[in-house]
C-alpha atoms as a PDB file:
ATOM      1  CA  MET A   1      -7.905  21.711  11.569  1.00  0.00           C
ATOM      2  CA  ILE A   2     -10.959  20.379  13.362  1.00  0.00           C
ATOM      3  CA  GLU A   3     -10.956  19.841  17.127  1.00  0.00           C
ATOM      4  CA  VAL A   4     -13.449  17.460  18.737  1.00  0.00           C
ATOM      5  CA  ASN A   5     -13.762  15.899  22.167  1.00  0.00           C
ATOM      6  CA  VAL A   6     -13.640  12.145  22.680  1.00  0.00           C
ATOM      7  CA  LYS A   7     -17.428  11.785  22.909  1.00  0.00           C
ATOM      8  CA  GLU A   8     -17.951  13.641  19.612  1.00  0.00           C
ATOM      9  CA  ALA A   9     -15.177  11.647  17.959  1.00  0.00           C
ATOM     10  CA  ARG A  10     -16.719   8.356  19.058  1.00  0.00           C
ATOM     11  CA  SER A  11     -20.202   9.238  17.842  1.00  0.00           C
ATOM     12  CA  ASN A  12     -19.044  10.814  14.545  1.00  0.00           C
ATOM     13  CA  PHE A  13     -15.994   8.696  13.736  1.00  0.00           C
ATOM     14  CA  SER A  14     -17.131   7.781  10.218  1.00  0.00           C
ATOM     15  CA  LEU A  15     -17.796  11.433   9.375  1.00  0.00           C
ATOM     16  CA  LEU A  16     -14.392  12.425  10.764  1.00  0.00           C
ATOM     17  CA  LEU A  17     -12.669   9.756   8.668  1.00  0.00           C
ATOM     18  CA  ASN A  18     -14.397  11.128   5.575  1.00  0.00           C
ATOM     19  CA  LYS A  19     -13.059  14.601   6.393  1.00  0.00           C
ATOM     20  CA  VAL A  20      -9.570  13.226   6.937  1.00  0.00           C
ATOM     21  CA  GLY A  21      -9.879  11.401   3.629  1.00  0.00           C
ATOM     22  CA  HIS A  22     -10.488  14.769   1.973  1.00  0.00           C
ATOM     23  CA  GLY A  23      -7.304  16.241   3.438  1.00  0.00           C
ATOM     24  CA  GLU A  24      -8.446  17.771   6.722  1.00  0.00           C
ATOM     25  CA  GLU A  25      -6.743  17.129  10.051  1.00  0.00           C
ATOM     26  CA  VAL A  26      -8.765  16.242  13.144  1.00  0.00           C
ATOM     27  CA  VAL A  27      -7.501  16.660  16.710  1.00  0.00           C
ATOM     28  CA  VAL A  28      -9.214  14.676  19.461  1.00  0.00           C
ATOM     29  CA  LEU A  29      -9.281  16.361  22.866  1.00  0.00           C
ATOM     30  CA  ARG A  30      -9.805  14.862  26.322  1.00  0.00           C
ATOM     31  CA  HIS A  31     -10.480  17.452  29.022  1.00  0.00           C
ATOM     32  CA  GLY A  32      -9.159  20.123  26.643  1.00  0.00           C
ATOM     33  CA  LYS A  33      -5.825  18.370  26.002  1.00  0.00           C
ATOM     34  CA  LYS A  34      -4.791  16.792  22.707  1.00  0.00           C
ATOM     35  CA  VAL A  35      -4.805  13.000  22.883  1.00  0.00           C
ATOM     36  CA  ALA A  36      -4.888  12.055  19.199  1.00  0.00           C
ATOM     37  CA  CYS A  37      -4.525  13.490  15.719  1.00  0.00           C
ATOM     38  CA  LEU A  38      -6.168  12.041  12.636  1.00  0.00           C
ATOM     39  CA  VAL A  39      -4.227  13.033   9.534  1.00  0.00           C
ATOM     40  CA  PRO A  40      -4.448  11.923   5.917  1.00  0.00           C
ATOM     41  CA  PRO A  41      -1.747   9.512   4.767  1.00  0.00           C
ATOM     42  CA  GLU A  42       1.164  10.792   2.750  1.00  0.00           C
ATOM     43  CA  PRO A  43       0.689  10.104  -0.945  1.00  0.00           C
ATOM     44  CA  SER A  44       2.584   7.028  -1.971  1.00  0.00           C
ATOM     45  CA  GLY A  45       4.730   7.169  -5.057  1.00  0.00           C
ATOM     46  CA  ARG A  46       4.286   4.834  -7.938  1.00  0.00           C
ATOM     47  CA  LEU A  47       6.557   1.860  -8.190  1.00  0.00           C
ATOM     48  CA  PRO A  48       9.298   2.269 -10.762  1.00  0.00           C
ATOM     49  CA  SER A  49       8.733   0.696 -14.135  1.00  0.00           C
ATOM     50  CA  LEU A  50      10.272  -2.722 -14.580  1.00  0.00           C
ATOM     51  CA  LYS A  51      10.727  -2.180 -18.310  1.00  0.00           C
ATOM     52  CA  ALA A  52      14.330  -0.945 -17.985  1.00  0.00           C
ATOM     53  CA  PHE A  53      15.159  -3.817 -15.633  1.00  0.00           C
ATOM     54  CA  ARG A  54      13.704  -6.374 -18.036  1.00  0.00           C
ATOM     55  CA  GLU A  55      15.747  -4.933 -20.899  1.00  0.00           C
ATOM     56  CA  GLN A  56      18.965  -5.472 -18.905  1.00  0.00           C
ATOM     57  CA  ILE A  57      18.330  -9.198 -18.524  1.00  0.00           C
ATOM     58  CA  SER A  58      19.704 -11.351 -21.297  1.00  0.00           C
ATOM     59  CA  LEU A  59      18.240 -14.796 -21.748  1.00  0.00           C
ATOM     60  CA  SER A  60      20.468 -17.612 -22.892  1.00  0.00           C
ATOM     61  CA  GLY A  61      20.105 -21.319 -23.383  1.00  0.00           C
ATOM     62  CA  GLU A  62      16.975 -23.221 -24.171  1.00  0.00           C
ATOM     63  CA  SER A  63      13.530 -22.178 -23.050  1.00  0.00           C
ATOM     64  CA  LEU A  64      11.950 -23.602 -19.933  1.00  0.00           C
ATOM     65  CA  GLY A  65       9.377 -25.401 -22.065  1.00  0.00           C
ATOM     66  CA  GLN A  66      12.100 -27.137 -24.052  1.00  0.00           C
ATOM     67  CA  THR A  67      13.875 -28.140 -20.832  1.00  0.00           C
ATOM     68  CA  VAL A  68      10.700 -29.690 -19.411  1.00  0.00           C
ATOM     69  CA  ILE A  69       9.995 -31.635 -22.620  1.00  0.00           C
ATOM     70  CA  LYS A  70      13.575 -32.870 -22.709  1.00  0.00           C
ATOM     71  CA  GLN A  71      13.411 -34.104 -19.108  1.00  0.00           C
ATOM     72  CA  ARG A  72      10.089 -35.857 -19.701  1.00  0.00           C
ATOM     73  CA  ASN A  73      11.525 -37.745 -22.649  1.00  0.00           C
ATOM     74  CA  GLU A  74      14.680 -38.859 -20.832  1.00  0.00           C
ATOM     75  CA  GLU A  75      14.771 -42.239 -19.173  1.00  0.00           C
ATOM     76  CA  ARG A  76      14.919 -41.791 -15.440  1.00  0.00           C
ATOM     77  CA  PHE A  77      15.424 -45.427 -14.390  1.00  0.00           C
END
């Protein structure tokens, strides 16, 4: 864990973000007291695969394309 004062944090913010991006934690101190902590984000999990969901869906009836063609050919007036 890295501790820096506010002035150092302000002047080296980009460098500190790089360190946080590599897994380090940074504590910002004001007059020797902790005022902020920069920590890396928790790793996000991957979204579940939609393959199983798609397999559960059963399609019935005519296709959307066929429905559109049918409606175009119908008399509307």
